[in-house]
Amino acid sequence: MAASTSKKIVIRRFEREPVPGFVNPQTFLRAEGIELLSLSGAILVVPYADVKAACFVRDFDAAEPSPEHRVFNTRTQTPLILGRVLKTRCSGEGSAASGCGCASGTGS
């Protein structure tokens, strides 16, 4: 670990205990695996075959749920935005000339 910049990370492994530690964001991905400085001060390289997930965290002590149990309560608004764009593009004068099909009732 060459530079002083570090990020907190928890590496979740298949059927083993998670490994908390610190990584350098520019150099932590090695050919052999993920290099990190453990909380005990040892430099570890966790092989990619053992890694289930690598999660950047704010606090090691926070009781975060595992990624499988995380629920996102908000829904994307992309269809609504796309609908507004199409409605705006197709409304008004010249909509038949634009070829969007709104004037003929076929719509897109």
N, C-alpha and C. Protein backbone atom coordinates (compact mmCIF):
# COMPACT_ATOMS: atom_id res chain seq x y z
N MET A 1 0.85 -1.17 0.00
CA MET A 1 0.00 0.00 0.00
C MET A 1 0.90 1.23 0.00
N ALA A 2 0.94 1.89 -1.13
CA ALA A 2 1.90 2.96 -1.33
C ALA A 2 1.39 4.34 -0.92
N ALA A 3 0.15 4.66 -1.19
CA ALA A 3 -0.35 6.01 -0.96
C ALA A 3 -1.05 6.10 0.40
N SER A 4 -1.32 7.34 0.84
CA SER A 4 -1.94 7.54 2.15
C SER A 4 -3.46 7.57 2.09
N THR A 5 -4.06 7.67 0.90
CA THR A 5 -5.51 7.69 0.78
C THR A 5 -6.05 6.29 1.04
N SER A 6 -7.07 6.20 1.89
CA SER A 6 -7.65 4.89 2.17
C SER A 6 -9.15 5.01 2.35
N LYS A 7 -9.84 3.94 2.01
CA LYS A 7 -11.29 3.86 2.16
C LYS A 7 -11.62 2.64 3.01
N LYS A 8 -12.68 2.76 3.79
CA LYS A 8 -13.13 1.64 4.61
C LYS A 8 -13.90 0.67 3.73
N ILE A 9 -13.63 -0.63 3.92
CA ILE A 9 -14.27 -1.65 3.11
C ILE A 9 -14.56 -2.88 3.96
N VAL A 10 -15.62 -3.58 3.63
CA VAL A 10 -15.91 -4.87 4.22
C VAL A 10 -16.03 -5.85 3.07
N ILE A 11 -15.19 -6.86 3.08
CA ILE A 11 -15.24 -7.89 2.05
C ILE A 11 -16.04 -9.06 2.59
N ARG A 12 -17.16 -9.34 1.94
CA ARG A 12 -18.00 -10.48 2.33
C ARG A 12 -17.54 -11.68 1.51
N ARG A 13 -17.26 -12.78 2.22
CA ARG A 13 -16.74 -13.98 1.58
C ARG A 13 -17.79 -15.09 1.60
N PHE A 14 -17.67 -16.01 0.67
CA PHE A 14 -18.58 -17.15 0.62
C PHE A 14 -18.38 -18.02 1.85
N GLU A 15 -19.41 -18.19 2.64
CA GLU A 15 -19.46 -19.10 3.79
C GLU A 15 -18.30 -18.89 4.78
N ARG A 16 -17.84 -17.66 4.92
CA ARG A 16 -16.81 -17.31 5.89
C ARG A 16 -17.14 -15.95 6.47
N GLU A 17 -16.45 -15.58 7.52
CA GLU A 17 -16.67 -14.29 8.16
C GLU A 17 -16.23 -13.15 7.24
N PRO A 18 -16.93 -12.00 7.30
CA PRO A 18 -16.50 -10.83 6.51
C PRO A 18 -15.16 -10.29 7.02
N VAL A 19 -14.43 -9.65 6.13
CA VAL A 19 -13.13 -9.08 6.46
C VAL A 19 -13.21 -7.56 6.36
N PRO A 20 -13.22 -6.84 7.49
CA PRO A 20 -13.19 -5.38 7.42
C PRO A 20 -11.75 -4.89 7.29
N GLY A 21 -11.59 -3.74 6.64
CA GLY A 21 -10.25 -3.19 6.51
C GLY A 21 -10.25 -1.90 5.72
N PHE A 22 -9.06 -1.51 5.31
CA PHE A 22 -8.86 -0.28 4.56
C PHE A 22 -8.19 -0.61 3.24
N VAL A 23 -8.59 0.07 2.17
CA VAL A 23 -7.97 -0.13 0.86
C VAL A 23 -7.59 1.20 0.25
N ASN A 24 -6.61 1.15 -0.64
CA ASN A 24 -6.26 2.30 -1.46
C ASN A 24 -7.11 2.19 -2.72
N PRO A 25 -8.00 3.16 -2.99
CA PRO A 25 -8.93 3.04 -4.12
C PRO A 25 -8.25 2.91 -5.48
N GLN A 26 -7.04 3.39 -5.64
CA GLN A 26 -6.36 3.32 -6.93
C GLN A 26 -5.64 1.99 -7.15
N THR A 27 -5.27 1.29 -6.07
CA THR A 27 -4.40 0.12 -6.24
C THR A 27 -4.89 -1.15 -5.55
N PHE A 28 -6.11 -1.19 -5.03
CA PHE A 28 -6.53 -2.34 -4.25
C PHE A 28 -6.87 -3.57 -5.09
N LEU A 29 -7.15 -3.39 -6.37
CA LEU A 29 -7.44 -4.53 -7.25
C LEU A 29 -6.14 -5.05 -7.85
N ARG A 30 -5.70 -6.19 -7.36
CA ARG A 30 -4.47 -6.83 -7.83
C ARG A 30 -4.81 -8.02 -8.71
N ALA A 31 -3.83 -8.56 -9.38
CA ALA A 31 -4.04 -9.75 -10.21
C ALA A 31 -4.43 -10.95 -9.35
N GLU A 32 -3.90 -11.02 -8.12
CA GLU A 32 -4.15 -12.17 -7.24
C GLU A 32 -5.47 -12.04 -6.48
N GLY A 33 -5.93 -10.80 -6.24
CA GLY A 33 -7.13 -10.57 -5.46
C GLY A 33 -7.19 -9.14 -4.95
N ILE A 34 -7.99 -8.92 -3.91
CA ILE A 34 -8.17 -7.59 -3.34
C ILE A 34 -7.19 -7.41 -2.18
N GLU A 35 -6.37 -6.37 -2.27
CA GLU A 35 -5.40 -6.08 -1.22
C GLU A 35 -6.00 -5.11 -0.22
N LEU A 36 -5.91 -5.44 1.07
CA LEU A 36 -6.42 -4.54 2.09
C LEU A 36 -5.56 -4.60 3.33
N LEU A 37 -5.65 -3.55 4.12
CA LEU A 37 -5.00 -3.47 5.42
C LEU A 37 -6.06 -3.81 6.45
N SER A 38 -5.88 -4.93 7.15
CA SER A 38 -6.89 -5.36 8.12
C SER A 38 -6.88 -4.44 9.34
N LEU A 39 -7.89 -4.58 10.18
CA LEU A 39 -7.98 -3.75 11.39
C LEU A 39 -6.86 -4.07 12.36
N SER A 40 -6.27 -5.25 12.27
CA SER A 40 -5.16 -5.61 13.14
C SER A 40 -3.82 -5.11 12.60
N GLY A 41 -3.81 -4.55 11.38
CA GLY A 41 -2.58 -3.97 10.82
C GLY A 41 -1.86 -4.87 9.83
N ALA A 42 -2.41 -6.01 9.50
CA ALA A 42 -1.78 -6.92 8.54
C ALA A 42 -2.29 -6.63 7.13
N ILE A 43 -1.39 -6.73 6.15
CA ILE A 43 -1.79 -6.57 4.76
C ILE A 43 -2.22 -7.94 4.25
N LEU A 44 -3.47 -8.01 3.77
CA LEU A 44 -4.04 -9.26 3.28
C LEU A 44 -4.38 -9.12 1.80
N VAL A 45 -4.31 -10.24 1.10
CA VAL A 45 -4.80 -10.30 -0.28
C VAL A 45 -5.87 -11.39 -0.29
N VAL A 46 -7.12 -10.98 -0.49
CA VAL A 46 -8.24 -11.91 -0.51
C VAL A 46 -8.44 -12.33 -1.97
N PRO A 47 -8.31 -13.63 -2.28
CA PRO A 47 -8.48 -14.08 -3.68
C PRO A 47 -9.89 -13.79 -4.19
N TYR A 48 -9.99 -13.46 -5.47
CA TYR A 48 -11.29 -13.14 -6.07
C TYR A 48 -12.28 -14.30 -5.95
N ALA A 49 -11.78 -15.53 -5.96
CA ALA A 49 -12.66 -16.70 -5.86
C ALA A 49 -13.38 -16.74 -4.51
N ASP A 50 -12.81 -16.12 -3.48
CA ASP A 50 -13.42 -16.10 -2.15
C ASP A 50 -14.36 -14.92 -1.92
N VAL A 51 -14.32 -13.92 -2.80
CA VAL A 51 -15.07 -12.67 -2.60
C VAL A 51 -16.50 -12.81 -3.12
N LYS A 52 -17.44 -12.61 -2.21
CA LYS A 52 -18.86 -12.56 -2.60
C LYS A 52 -19.24 -11.13 -2.93
N ALA A 53 -18.81 -10.17 -2.10
CA ALA A 53 -19.08 -8.75 -2.33
C ALA A 53 -18.03 -7.92 -1.62
N ALA A 54 -17.68 -6.80 -2.22
CA ALA A 54 -16.78 -5.83 -1.59
C ALA A 54 -17.59 -4.55 -1.41
N CYS A 55 -17.86 -4.19 -0.15
CA CYS A 55 -18.74 -3.05 0.16
C CYS A 55 -17.95 -1.94 0.84
N PHE A 56 -17.97 -0.76 0.23
CA PHE A 56 -17.38 0.40 0.89
C PHE A 56 -18.37 0.87 1.95
N VAL A 57 -17.88 1.12 3.17
CA VAL A 57 -18.75 1.46 4.30
C VAL A 57 -18.29 2.76 4.93
N ARG A 58 -19.18 3.38 5.69
CA ARG A 58 -18.84 4.58 6.46
C ARG A 58 -18.29 4.22 7.82
N ASP A 59 -18.86 3.16 8.41
CA ASP A 59 -18.49 2.78 9.77
C ASP A 59 -18.48 1.26 9.87
N PHE A 60 -17.44 0.70 10.46
CA PHE A 60 -17.36 -0.75 10.60
C PHE A 60 -18.36 -1.28 11.62
N ASP A 61 -18.66 -0.49 12.65
CA ASP A 61 -19.51 -0.94 13.75
C ASP A 61 -21.00 -0.86 13.43
N ALA A 62 -21.37 -0.17 12.37
CA ALA A 62 -22.79 -0.03 12.04
C ALA A 62 -23.36 -1.40 11.68
N ALA A 63 -24.53 -1.68 12.17
CA ALA A 63 -25.17 -2.96 11.89
C ALA A 63 -25.88 -2.88 10.54
N GLU A 64 -25.10 -2.97 9.47
CA GLU A 64 -25.67 -2.91 8.13
C GLU A 64 -26.21 -4.27 7.74
N PRO A 65 -27.36 -4.31 7.11
CA PRO A 65 -27.85 -5.59 6.61
C PRO A 65 -26.99 -6.06 5.45
N SER A 66 -26.96 -7.34 5.21
CA SER A 66 -26.20 -7.87 4.08
C SER A 66 -26.85 -7.38 2.79
N PRO A 67 -26.11 -7.33 1.69
CA PRO A 67 -26.67 -6.81 0.44
C PRO A 67 -27.90 -7.58 -0.04
N GLU A 68 -28.05 -8.84 0.33
CA GLU A 68 -29.21 -9.61 -0.10
C GLU A 68 -30.50 -9.11 0.55
N HIS A 69 -30.40 -8.50 1.72
CA HIS A 69 -31.57 -8.06 2.47
C HIS A 69 -31.86 -6.58 2.32
N ARG A 70 -31.09 -5.89 1.51
CA ARG A 70 -31.27 -4.46 1.33
C ARG A 70 -32.51 -4.20 0.48
N VAL A 71 -33.34 -3.26 0.89
CA VAL A 71 -34.56 -2.94 0.17
C VAL A 71 -34.49 -1.48 -0.25
N PHE A 72 -34.80 -1.22 -1.50
CA PHE A 72 -34.82 0.14 -2.00
C PHE A 72 -36.29 0.57 -2.08
N ASN A 73 -36.66 1.55 -1.29
CA ASN A 73 -38.05 1.98 -1.20
C ASN A 73 -38.45 2.95 -2.30
N THR A 74 -37.51 3.52 -3.00
CA THR A 74 -37.87 4.46 -4.06
C THR A 74 -37.82 3.75 -5.40
N ARG A 75 -38.66 4.20 -6.31
CA ARG A 75 -38.69 3.64 -7.65
C ARG A 75 -38.16 4.67 -8.63
N THR A 76 -37.58 4.17 -9.68
CA THR A 76 -37.05 5.07 -10.70
C THR A 76 -38.18 5.82 -11.39
N GLN A 77 -37.91 7.02 -11.81
CA GLN A 77 -38.92 7.85 -12.46
C GLN A 77 -38.70 7.91 -13.97
N THR A 78 -37.87 7.06 -14.52
CA THR A 78 -37.54 7.10 -15.94
C THR A 78 -38.77 6.99 -16.83
N PRO A 79 -39.72 6.05 -16.63
CA PRO A 79 -40.88 6.00 -17.52
C PRO A 79 -41.70 7.29 -17.50
N LEU A 80 -41.83 7.89 -16.33
CA LEU A 80 -42.57 9.14 -16.22
C LEU A 80 -41.87 10.25 -16.99
N ILE A 81 -40.59 10.35 -16.85
CA ILE A 81 -39.84 11.38 -17.55
C ILE A 81 -39.92 11.15 -19.06
N LEU A 82 -39.76 9.90 -19.49
CA LEU A 82 -39.85 9.59 -20.91
C LEU A 82 -41.23 9.93 -21.45
N GLY A 83 -42.28 9.63 -20.67
CA GLY A 83 -43.64 9.98 -21.07
C GLY A 83 -43.81 11.48 -21.23
N ARG A 84 -43.22 12.25 -20.33
CA ARG A 84 -43.32 13.71 -20.43
C ARG A 84 -42.58 14.21 -21.66
N VAL A 85 -41.44 13.63 -21.96
CA VAL A 85 -40.68 14.05 -23.14
C VAL A 85 -41.49 13.78 -24.40
N LEU A 86 -42.06 12.58 -24.50
CA LEU A 86 -42.84 12.25 -25.69
C LEU A 86 -44.08 13.14 -25.80
N LYS A 87 -44.73 13.40 -24.67
CA LYS A 87 -45.93 14.25 -24.68
C LYS A 87 -45.56 15.66 -25.11
N THR A 88 -44.45 16.19 -24.61
CA THR A 88 -44.02 17.53 -24.97
C THR A 88 -43.62 17.59 -26.43
N ARG A 89 -42.92 16.57 -26.91
CA ARG A 89 -42.46 16.55 -28.29
C ARG A 89 -43.62 16.46 -29.26
N CYS A 90 -44.66 15.73 -28.88
CA CYS A 90 -45.76 15.47 -29.80
C CYS A 90 -46.89 16.49 -29.68
N SER A 91 -46.88 17.36 -28.69
CA SER A 91 -47.96 18.33 -28.54
C SER A 91 -47.64 19.60 -29.31
N GLY A 92 -48.65 20.33 -29.65
CA GLY A 92 -48.45 21.61 -30.31
C GLY A 92 -48.45 21.49 -31.81
N GLU A 93 -48.19 22.63 -32.47
CA GLU A 93 -48.22 22.68 -33.92
C GLU A 93 -47.02 21.95 -34.50
N GLY A 94 -47.21 21.39 -35.65
CA GLY A 94 -46.11 20.74 -36.35
C GLY A 94 -45.86 19.32 -35.90
N SER A 95 -46.71 18.78 -35.03
CA SER A 95 -46.46 17.42 -34.55
C SER A 95 -46.66 16.40 -35.66
N ALA A 96 -47.58 16.69 -36.59
CA ALA A 96 -47.78 15.76 -37.72
C ALA A 96 -46.57 15.79 -38.63
N ALA A 97 -45.95 16.97 -38.75
CA ALA A 97 -44.78 17.09 -39.61
C ALA A 97 -43.55 16.40 -38.99
N SER A 98 -43.55 16.23 -37.67
CA SER A 98 -42.39 15.60 -37.03
C SER A 98 -42.35 14.12 -37.27
N GLY A 99 -43.48 13.52 -37.71
CA GLY A 99 -43.49 12.11 -38.02
C GLY A 99 -43.60 11.21 -36.82
N CYS A 100 -44.06 11.72 -35.67
CA CYS A 100 -44.14 10.88 -34.48
C CYS A 100 -45.42 10.05 -34.46
N GLY A 101 -46.36 10.33 -35.32
CA GLY A 101 -47.58 9.53 -35.41
C GLY A 101 -48.69 9.98 -34.49
N CYS A 102 -48.48 11.07 -33.75
CA CYS A 102 -49.50 11.52 -32.79
C CYS A 102 -50.75 12.02 -33.50
N ALA A 103 -50.61 12.68 -34.63
CA ALA A 103 -51.77 13.25 -35.32
C ALA A 103 -52.64 12.15 -35.91
N SER A 104 -52.03 11.02 -36.29
CA SER A 104 -52.80 9.96 -36.90
C SER A 104 -53.42 9.03 -35.88
N GLY A 105 -53.04 9.20 -34.60
CA GLY A 105 -53.60 8.37 -33.53
C GLY A 105 -52.83 7.10 -33.30
N THR A 106 -51.76 6.86 -34.05
CA THR A 106 -50.97 5.65 -33.84
C THR A 106 -50.04 5.80 -32.65
N GLY A 107 -49.53 6.98 -32.44
CA GLY A 107 -48.68 7.28 -31.28
C GLY A 107 -47.43 6.44 -31.22
N SER A 108 -46.46 6.91 -30.43
CA SER A 108 -45.25 6.12 -30.23
C SER A 108 -44.88 6.08 -28.79
